[in-house]
Protein backbone atom coordinates (compact mmCIF):
# COMPACT_ATOMS: atom_id res chain seq x y z
CA MET A 1 0.00 0.00 0.00
CA ILE A 2 1.53 3.30 -1.09
CA SER A 3 0.18 6.58 0.18
CA SER A 4 1.27 10.12 0.76
CA ARG A 5 0.28 12.63 3.37
CA ARG A 6 0.77 16.26 4.13
CA LEU A 7 1.30 17.12 7.78
CA TYR A 8 0.08 20.51 8.89
CA PHE A 9 1.65 22.24 11.82
CA LYS A 10 0.71 25.49 13.54
CA GLU A 11 -0.49 28.27 11.33
CA ASN A 12 2.30 29.91 9.33
CA GLU A 13 4.70 27.01 9.88
CA MET A 14 6.00 24.84 7.06
CA ALA A 15 4.17 21.64 6.20
CA ASP A 16 6.01 18.39 5.62
CA ASP A 17 5.16 16.26 2.61
CA PHE A 18 5.97 12.60 2.97
CA LYS A 19 5.23 9.30 1.36
CA PHE A 20 4.88 5.91 3.01
CA GLU A 21 4.36 2.34 1.92
CA ILE A 22 3.51 -0.57 4.19
CA THR A 23 5.67 -3.24 2.59
CA GLU A 24 4.80 -5.99 5.06
CA SER A 25 2.17 -6.38 7.77
CA ILE A 26 3.73 -8.36 10.60
CA GLY A 27 1.11 -8.33 13.32
CA LEU A 28 -1.61 -6.67 15.36
CA ILE A 29 -0.64 -5.49 18.86
CA SER A 30 -3.96 -4.01 20.00
CA GLU A 31 -7.22 -2.47 18.80
CA THR A 32 -9.32 0.33 20.30
CA SER A 33 -13.10 0.41 20.51
CA LYS A 34 -13.03 3.01 17.70
CA GLY A 35 -11.25 0.62 15.33
CA TRP A 36 -7.73 2.05 15.50
CA LYS A 37 -5.13 -0.71 15.46
CA THR A 38 -1.62 -0.62 16.84
CA GLU A 39 0.44 -2.73 14.47
CA LEU A 40 3.96 -3.88 13.78
CA ASN A 41 4.69 -3.38 10.08
CA MET A 42 7.58 -2.85 7.73
CA VAL A 43 7.19 0.69 6.39
CA SER A 44 9.14 2.57 3.75
CA TRP A 45 9.16 6.31 4.43
CA ASN A 46 9.90 8.64 1.49
CA ASP A 47 11.13 5.79 -0.73
CA ARG A 48 13.81 4.79 1.79
CA ALA A 49 14.59 1.25 2.89
CA PRO A 50 11.74 -0.19 4.98
CA LYS A 51 12.03 -0.16 8.76
CA TYR A 52 10.14 -1.99 11.48
CA ASP A 53 7.40 0.35 12.60
CA ILE A 54 5.00 0.34 15.56
CA ARG A 55 2.13 2.80 15.32
CA ALA A 56 -1.66 3.16 15.43
CA TRP A 57 -3.57 3.14 12.13
CA ASP A 58 -7.18 3.70 11.21
CA SER A 59 -8.99 0.77 9.58
CA GLU A 60 -8.05 1.88 6.06
CA HIS A 61 -4.40 2.77 6.81
CA LYS A 62 -5.04 6.34 5.66
CA LYS A 63 -4.66 8.02 9.06
CA MET A 64 -1.91 7.25 11.53
CA GLY A 65 -1.03 8.05 15.10
CA LYS A 66 2.39 8.71 16.53
CA GLY A 67 4.72 5.79 16.29
CA ILE A 68 8.31 4.67 16.25
CA SER A 69 10.48 3.03 13.59
CA PHE A 70 13.40 0.68 14.18
CA THR A 71 16.23 -0.69 12.10
CA ALA A 72 16.77 -4.44 12.38
CA GLU A 73 19.63 -3.86 14.83
CA GLU A 74 17.52 -1.54 17.00
CA LEU A 75 14.68 -4.06 17.04
CA LYS A 76 17.10 -6.85 18.06
CA LYS A 77 18.31 -4.71 20.97
CA LEU A 78 14.72 -3.95 21.98
CA LYS A 79 13.95 -7.68 21.89
CA GLU A 80 16.94 -8.35 24.18
CA LEU A 81 15.74 -5.69 26.62
CA LEU A 82 12.19 -7.05 26.62
CA ASN A 83 13.39 -10.62 27.08
CA SER A 84 15.41 -9.52 30.11
CA MET A 85 12.31 -8.10 31.82
CA GLU A 86 9.99 -10.04 34.07
CA LEU A 87 6.44 -9.35 32.95
C-alpha cells in the first residue's frame, strides 16, 4: 500500500510532505473500541529502505497516530531488553 500525506503544523509554519508504503504487515498489537489498530509493520518512508514500525492506524491505513520506527539492529536490541524483563 503506497500513500502520501501532508502534515500541517501550527499556522504559518512549514508543512512536511511525505510518502509511506507498508511493505509488510507483521502483526496486530492491539485495537481500540473506535477501530484504530496498533500494528507492527515494515514501512518505507519517502522511498527509503523499509524499517520496522510500531504505530496506530485507522482501519483503512489512511490516518496514523504517533509511532516509532526501528532498524533491524535496533529491534534486536529492543527484543533483548524485553526478554530480560519479568512481565
